[in-house]
Amino acid sequence: MNRSRPSLQKRDREKSKREKQQQKIARRSEVKTRRPNSPGAGEGDPDLAGIVAGPQAKPWDDEDPVEDKT
């Protein structure tokens, strides 16, 4: 039984596959380290920042109330 050596093309394909896998691992680790440090992480929706649970002030009640002078 003769075993042939892998061709150069196969060796190149396997090498590029390993390189891509290493780049993918590096990219994933970079995202993991960057994610906790990013602004807004864990703060929730920035559109809802400052809103307190419970009854909200009515937007049309911004003016001073009119008092009766009788």
PDB file of N, CA and C in Angstrom:
ATOM      1  N   MET A   1       0.821  -1.177   0.000  1.00  0.00           N
ATOM      2  CA  MET A   1       0.000   0.000   0.000  1.00  0.00           C
ATOM      3  C   MET A   1       0.873   1.252   0.000  1.00  0.00           C
ATOM      4  N   ASN A   2       0.702   2.031  -0.991  1.00  0.00           N
ATOM      5  CA  ASN A   2       1.452   3.271  -1.079  1.00  0.00           C
ATOM      6  C   ASN A   2       0.618   4.422  -0.543  1.00  0.00           C
ATOM      7  N   ARG A   3       1.210   5.179   0.317  1.00  0.00           N
ATOM      8  CA  ARG A   3       0.524   6.372   0.825  1.00  0.00           C
ATOM      9  C   ARG A   3       1.145   7.582   0.156  1.00  0.00           C
ATOM     10  N   SER A   4       0.313   8.373  -0.422  1.00  0.00           N
ATOM     11  CA  SER A   4       0.842   9.573  -1.050  1.00  0.00           C
ATOM     12  C   SER A   4       0.865  10.714  -0.047  1.00  0.00           C
ATOM     13  N   ARG A   5       1.800  11.603  -0.254  1.00  0.00           N
ATOM     14  CA  ARG A   5       1.894  12.766   0.621  1.00  0.00           C
ATOM     15  C   ARG A   5       0.810  13.765   0.218  1.00  0.00           C
ATOM     16  N   PRO A   6       0.343  14.536   1.189  1.00  0.00           N
ATOM     17  CA  PRO A   6      -0.662  15.541   0.833  1.00  0.00           C
ATOM     18  C   PRO A   6      -0.093  16.533  -0.169  1.00  0.00           C
ATOM     19  N   SER A   7      -0.937  16.926  -1.054  1.00  0.00           N
ATOM     20  CA  SER A   7      -0.472  17.850  -2.083  1.00  0.00           C
ATOM     21  C   SER A   7      -0.222  19.232  -1.483  1.00  0.00           C
ATOM     22  N   LEU A   8       0.495  20.020  -2.219  1.00  0.00           N
ATOM     23  CA  LEU A   8       0.800  21.363  -1.759  1.00  0.00           C
ATOM     24  C   LEU A   8      -0.474  22.203  -1.636  1.00  0.00           C
ATOM     25  N   GLN A   9      -1.426  21.961  -2.518  1.00  0.00           N
ATOM     26  CA  GLN A   9      -2.689  22.702  -2.467  1.00  0.00           C
ATOM     27  C   GLN A   9      -3.438  22.399  -1.175  1.00  0.00           C
ATOM     28  N   LYS A  10      -3.455  21.132  -0.812  1.00  0.00           N
ATOM     29  CA  LYS A  10      -4.147  20.751   0.422  1.00  0.00           C
ATOM     30  C   LYS A  10      -3.434  21.373   1.621  1.00  0.00           C
ATOM     31  N   ARG A  11      -2.138  21.365   1.608  1.00  0.00           N
ATOM     32  CA  ARG A  11      -1.363  21.947   2.698  1.00  0.00           C
ATOM     33  C   ARG A  11      -1.662  23.448   2.817  1.00  0.00           C
ATOM     34  N   ASP A  12      -1.748  24.126   1.677  1.00  0.00           N
ATOM     35  CA  ASP A  12      -2.074  25.554   1.680  1.00  0.00           C
ATOM     36  C   ASP A  12      -3.491  25.803   2.203  1.00  0.00           C
ATOM     37  N   ARG A  13      -4.423  24.972   1.791  1.00  0.00           N
ATOM     38  CA  ARG A  13      -5.812  25.111   2.278  1.00  0.00           C
ATOM     39  C   ARG A  13      -5.877  24.924   3.786  1.00  0.00           C
ATOM     40  N   GLU A  14      -5.191  23.923   4.289  1.00  0.00           N
ATOM     41  CA  GLU A  14      -5.200  23.668   5.728  1.00  0.00           C
ATOM     42  C   GLU A  14      -4.521  24.807   6.490  1.00  0.00           C
ATOM     43  N   LYS A  15      -3.465  25.355   5.926  1.00  0.00           N
ATOM     44  CA  LYS A  15      -2.770  26.471   6.559  1.00  0.00           C
ATOM     45  C   LYS A  15      -3.679  27.696   6.617  1.00  0.00           C
ATOM     46  N   SER A  16      -4.366  28.001   5.527  1.00  0.00           N
ATOM     47  CA  SER A  16      -5.271  29.155   5.522  1.00  0.00           C
ATOM     48  C   SER A  16      -6.446  28.923   6.470  1.00  0.00           C
ATOM     49  N   LYS A  17      -6.890  27.689   6.580  1.00  0.00           N
ATOM     50  CA  LYS A  17      -7.983  27.373   7.505  1.00  0.00           C
ATOM     51  C   LYS A  17      -7.545  27.612   8.950  1.00  0.00           C
ATOM     52  N   ARG A  18      -6.329  27.194   9.298  1.00  0.00           N
ATOM     53  CA  ARG A  18      -5.811  27.424  10.645  1.00  0.00           C
ATOM     54  C   ARG A  18      -5.661  28.918  10.927  1.00  0.00           C
ATOM     55  N   GLU A  19      -5.157  29.663   9.926  1.00  0.00           N
ATOM     56  CA  GLU A  19      -4.989  31.107  10.101  1.00  0.00           C
ATOM     57  C   GLU A  19      -6.330  31.805  10.317  1.00  0.00           C
ATOM     58  N   LYS A  20      -7.331  31.430   9.551  1.00  0.00           N
ATOM     59  CA  LYS A  20      -8.661  32.014   9.709  1.00  0.00           C
ATOM     60  C   LYS A  20      -9.229  31.693  11.087  1.00  0.00           C
ATOM     61  N   GLN A  21      -9.004  30.476  11.548  1.00  0.00           N
ATOM     62  CA  GLN A  21      -9.497  30.082  12.871  1.00  0.00           C
ATOM     63  C   GLN A  21      -8.818  30.903  13.965  1.00  0.00           C
ATOM     64  N   GLN A  22      -7.505  31.126  13.828  1.00  0.00           N
ATOM     65  CA  GLN A  22      -6.782  31.932  14.806  1.00  0.00           C
ATOM     66  C   GLN A  22      -7.281  33.382  14.797  1.00  0.00           C
ATOM     67  N   GLN A  23      -7.557  33.932  13.616  1.00  0.00           N
ATOM     68  CA  GLN A  23      -8.093  35.289  13.521  1.00  0.00           C
ATOM     69  C   GLN A  23      -9.468  35.367  14.172  1.00  0.00           C
ATOM     70  N   LYS A  24     -10.257  34.351  13.977  1.00  0.00           N
ATOM     71  CA  LYS A  24     -11.600  34.302  14.562  1.00  0.00           C
ATOM     72  C   LYS A  24     -11.521  34.261  16.090  1.00  0.00           C
ATOM     73  N   ILE A  25     -10.614  33.469  16.622  1.00  0.00           N
ATOM     74  CA  ILE A  25     -10.437  33.378  18.070  1.00  0.00           C
ATOM     75  C   ILE A  25      -9.969  34.723  18.621  1.00  0.00           C
ATOM     76  N   ALA A  26      -9.033  35.363  17.929  1.00  0.00           N
ATOM     77  CA  ALA A  26      -8.534  36.666  18.378  1.00  0.00           C
ATOM     78  C   ALA A  26      -9.646  37.711  18.344  1.00  0.00           C
ATOM     79  N   ARG A  27     -10.462  37.705  17.306  1.00  0.00           N
ATOM     80  CA  ARG A  27     -11.570  38.654  17.184  1.00  0.00           C
ATOM     81  C   ARG A  27     -12.591  38.445  18.290  1.00  0.00           C
ATOM     82  N   ARG A  28     -12.887  37.200  18.598  1.00  0.00           N
ATOM     83  CA  ARG A  28     -13.847  36.903  19.675  1.00  0.00           C
ATOM     84  C   ARG A  28     -13.326  37.367  21.028  1.00  0.00           C
ATOM     85  N   SER A  29     -12.045  37.128  21.295  1.00  0.00           N
ATOM     86  CA  SER A  29     -11.492  37.552  22.587  1.00  0.00           C
ATOM     87  C   SER A  29     -11.457  39.074  22.686  1.00  0.00           C
ATOM     88  N   GLU A  30     -11.196  39.746  21.567  1.00  0.00           N
ATOM     89  CA  GLU A  30     -11.191  41.210  21.560  1.00  0.00           C
ATOM     90  C   GLU A  30     -12.583  41.756  21.865  1.00  0.00           C
ATOM     91  N   VAL A  31     -13.601  41.145  21.300  1.00  0.00           N
ATOM     92  CA  VAL A  31     -14.972  41.592  21.549  1.00  0.00           C
ATOM     93  C   VAL A  31     -15.347  41.359  23.011  1.00  0.00           C
ATOM     94  N   LYS A  32     -14.908  40.244  23.572  1.00  0.00           N
ATOM     95  CA  LYS A  32     -15.212  39.962  24.982  1.00  0.00           C
ATOM     96  C   LYS A  32     -14.577  40.985  25.910  1.00  0.00           C
ATOM     97  N   THR A  33     -13.350  41.413  25.598  1.00  0.00           N
ATOM     98  CA  THR A  33     -12.689  42.394  26.456  1.00  0.00           C
ATOM     99  C   THR A  33     -13.252  43.791  26.232  1.00  0.00           C
ATOM    100  N   ARG A  34     -13.700  44.084  25.026  1.00  0.00           N
ATOM    101  CA  ARG A  34     -14.218  45.411  24.714  1.00  0.00           C
ATOM    102  C   ARG A  34     -15.647  45.592  25.222  1.00  0.00           C
ATOM    103  N   ARG A  35     -16.443  44.551  25.239  1.00  0.00           N
ATOM    104  CA  ARG A  35     -17.860  44.651  25.578  1.00  0.00           C
ATOM    105  C   ARG A  35     -18.117  45.219  26.975  1.00  0.00           C
ATOM    106  N   PRO A  36     -17.478  44.765  28.040  1.00  0.00           N
ATOM    107  CA  PRO A  36     -17.756  45.366  29.350  1.00  0.00           C
ATOM    108  C   PRO A  36     -17.275  46.802  29.473  1.00  0.00           C
ATOM    109  N   ASN A  37     -16.310  47.208  28.669  1.00  0.00           N
ATOM    110  CA  ASN A  37     -15.749  48.555  28.762  1.00  0.00           C
ATOM    111  C   ASN A  37     -16.477  49.552  27.873  1.00  0.00           C
ATOM    112  N   SER A  38     -17.384  49.078  27.026  1.00  0.00           N
ATOM    113  CA  SER A  38     -18.040  49.995  26.101  1.00  0.00           C
ATOM    114  C   SER A  38     -19.053  50.868  26.831  1.00  0.00           C
ATOM    115  N   PRO A  39     -19.222  52.109  26.381  1.00  0.00           N
ATOM    116  CA  PRO A  39     -20.192  52.988  27.045  1.00  0.00           C
ATOM    117  C   PRO A  39     -21.607  52.476  26.835  1.00  0.00           C
ATOM    118  N   GLY A  40     -22.388  52.555  27.873  1.00  0.00           N
ATOM    119  CA  GLY A  40     -23.768  52.102  27.781  1.00  0.00           C
ATOM    120  C   GLY A  40     -23.939  50.629  28.085  1.00  0.00           C
ATOM    121  N   ALA A  41     -22.865  49.937  28.367  1.00  0.00           N
ATOM    122  CA  ALA A  41     -22.976  48.515  28.659  1.00  0.00           C
ATOM    123  C   ALA A  41     -23.627  48.333  30.024  1.00  0.00           C
ATOM    124  N   GLY A  42     -24.713  47.630  30.065  1.00  0.00           N
ATOM    125  CA  GLY A  42     -25.392  47.349  31.320  1.00  0.00           C
ATOM    126  C   GLY A  42     -26.271  48.478  31.812  1.00  0.00           C
ATOM    127  N   GLU A  43     -26.324  49.581  31.086  1.00  0.00           N
ATOM    128  CA  GLU A  43     -27.142  50.698  31.520  1.00  0.00           C
ATOM    129  C   GLU A  43     -28.547  50.627  30.959  1.00  0.00           C
ATOM    130  N   GLY A  44     -28.785  49.755  30.024  1.00  0.00           N
ATOM    131  CA  GLY A  44     -30.101  49.642  29.435  1.00  0.00           C
ATOM    132  C   GLY A  44     -30.245  50.574  28.242  1.00  0.00           C
ATOM    133  N   ASP A  45     -31.471  50.845  27.889  1.00  0.00           N
ATOM    134  CA  ASP A  45     -31.777  51.662  26.724  1.00  0.00           C
ATOM    135  C   ASP A  45     -31.489  53.131  27.022  1.00  0.00           C
ATOM    136  N   PRO A  46     -30.656  53.790  26.225  1.00  0.00           N
ATOM    137  CA  PRO A  46     -30.349  55.192  26.498  1.00  0.00           C
ATOM    138  C   PRO A  46     -31.549  56.117  26.308  1.00  0.00           C
ATOM    139  N   ASP A  47     -32.544  55.681  25.525  1.00  0.00           N
ATOM    140  CA  ASP A  47     -33.747  56.494  25.347  1.00  0.00           C
ATOM    141  C   ASP A  47     -34.571  56.555  26.621  1.00  0.00           C
ATOM    142  N   LEU A  48     -34.408  55.563  27.474  1.00  0.00           N
ATOM    143  CA  LEU A  48     -35.192  55.501  28.700  1.00  0.00           C
ATOM    144  C   LEU A  48     -34.425  56.010  29.910  1.00  0.00           C
ATOM    145  N   ALA A  49     -33.224  56.518  29.704  1.00  0.00           N
ATOM    146  CA  ALA A  49     -32.411  57.008  30.811  1.00  0.00           C
ATOM    147  C   ALA A  49     -33.095  58.203  31.464  1.00  0.00           C
ATOM    148  N   GLY A  50     -33.152  58.193  32.762  1.00  0.00           N
ATOM    149  CA  GLY A  50     -33.739  59.308  33.499  1.00  0.00           C
ATOM    150  C   GLY A  50     -35.215  59.140  33.793  1.00  0.00           C
ATOM    151  N   ILE A  51     -35.839  58.125  33.236  1.00  0.00           N
ATOM    152  CA  ILE A  51     -37.250  57.897  33.503  1.00  0.00           C
ATOM    153  C   ILE A  51     -37.363  57.084  34.784  1.00  0.00           C
ATOM    154  N   VAL A  52     -38.191  57.547  35.683  1.00  0.00           N
ATOM    155  CA  VAL A  52     -38.375  56.884  36.965  1.00  0.00           C
ATOM    156  C   VAL A  52     -39.690  56.113  36.913  1.00  0.00           C
ATOM    157  N   ALA A  53     -39.687  54.938  37.482  1.00  0.00           N
ATOM    158  CA  ALA A  53     -40.909  54.142  37.511  1.00  0.00           C
ATOM    159  C   ALA A  53     -41.962  54.842  38.369  1.00  0.00           C
ATOM    160  N   GLY A  54     -43.190  54.711  37.990  1.00  0.00           N
ATOM    161  CA  GLY A  54     -44.275  55.336  38.736  1.00  0.00           C
ATOM    162  C   GLY A  54     -44.954  56.403  37.906  1.00  0.00           C
ATOM    163  N   PRO A  55     -45.823  57.165  38.537  1.00  0.00           N
ATOM    164  CA  PRO A  55     -46.541  58.194  37.786  1.00  0.00           C
ATOM    165  C   PRO A  55     -45.585  59.253  37.238  1.00  0.00           C
ATOM    166  N   GLN A  56     -45.805  59.621  36.004  1.00  0.00           N
ATOM    167  CA  GLN A  56     -44.972  60.612  35.347  1.00  0.00           C
ATOM    168  C   GLN A  56     -45.696  61.956  35.321  1.00  0.00           C
ATOM    169  N   ALA A  57     -44.936  63.005  35.276  1.00  0.00           N
ATOM    170  CA  ALA A  57     -45.518  64.349  35.190  1.00  0.00           C
ATOM    171  C   ALA A  57     -46.174  64.506  33.822  1.00  0.00           C
ATOM    172  N   LYS A  58     -47.311  65.187  33.787  1.00  0.00           N
ATOM    173  CA  LYS A  58     -47.995  65.410  32.527  1.00  0.00           C
ATOM    174  C   LYS A  58     -47.297  66.550  31.798  1.00  0.00           C
ATOM    175  N   PRO A  59     -47.034  66.389  30.530  1.00  0.00           N
ATOM    176  CA  PRO A  59     -46.293  67.428  29.804  1.00  0.00           C
ATOM    177  C   PRO A  59     -47.072  68.732  29.673  1.00  0.00           C
ATOM    178  N   TRP A  60     -48.399  68.704  29.752  1.00  0.00           N
ATOM    179  CA  TRP A  60     -49.186  69.931  29.617  1.00  0.00           C
ATOM    180  C   TRP A  60     -49.380  70.634  30.951  1.00  0.00           C
ATOM    181  N   ASP A  61     -48.859  70.080  32.035  1.00  0.00           N
ATOM    182  CA  ASP A  61     -48.949  70.715  33.346  1.00  0.00           C
ATOM    183  C   ASP A  61     -47.681  71.519  33.663  1.00  0.00           C
ATOM    184  N   ASP A  62     -46.939  71.897  32.655  1.00  0.00           N
ATOM    185  CA  ASP A  62     -45.708  72.665  32.866  1.00  0.00           C
ATOM    186  C   ASP A  62     -45.979  74.103  33.295  1.00  0.00           C
ATOM    187  N   GLU A  63     -47.129  74.628  32.939  1.00  0.00           N
ATOM    188  CA  GLU A  63     -47.443  76.019  33.240  1.00  0.00           C
ATOM    189  C   GLU A  63     -47.897  76.175  34.678  1.00  0.00           C
ATOM    190  N   ASP A  64     -47.832  77.395  35.189  1.00  0.00           N
ATOM    191  CA  ASP A  64     -48.296  77.677  36.534  1.00  0.00           C
ATOM    192  C   ASP A  64     -49.816  77.525  36.587  1.00  0.00           C
ATOM    193  N   PRO A  65     -50.318  76.972  37.651  1.00  0.00           N
ATOM    194  CA  PRO A  65     -51.780  76.818  37.738  1.00  0.00           C
ATOM    195  C   PRO A  65     -52.444  78.200  37.899  1.00  0.00           C
ATOM    196  N   VAL A  66     -53.595  78.328  37.307  1.00  0.00           N
ATOM    197  CA  VAL A  66     -54.349  79.566  37.387  1.00  0.00           C
ATOM    198  C   VAL A  66     -55.125  79.558  38.693  1.00  0.00           C
ATOM    199  N   GLU A  67     -54.970  80.616  39.484  1.00  0.00           N
ATOM    200  CA  GLU A  67     -55.657  80.672  40.785  1.00  0.00           C
ATOM    201  C   GLU A  67     -56.884  81.557  40.651  1.00  0.00           C
ATOM    202  N   ASP A  68     -57.965  81.184  41.341  1.00  0.00           N
ATOM    203  CA  ASP A  68     -59.176  81.987  41.352  1.00  0.00           C
ATOM    204  C   ASP A  68     -58.987  83.127  42.347  1.00  0.00           C
ATOM    205  N   LYS A  69     -59.304  84.350  41.937  1.00  0.00           N
ATOM    206  CA  LYS A  69     -59.182  85.495  42.821  1.00  0.00           C
ATOM    207  C   LYS A  69     -60.565  86.012  43.150  1.00  0.00           C
ATOM    208  N   THR A  70     -61.323  85.225  43.819  1.00  0.00           N
ATOM    209  CA  THR A  70     -62.660  85.666  44.220  1.00  0.00           C
ATOM    210  C   THR A  70     -62.754  85.990  45.661  1.00  0.00           C
TER     211      THR A  70
END
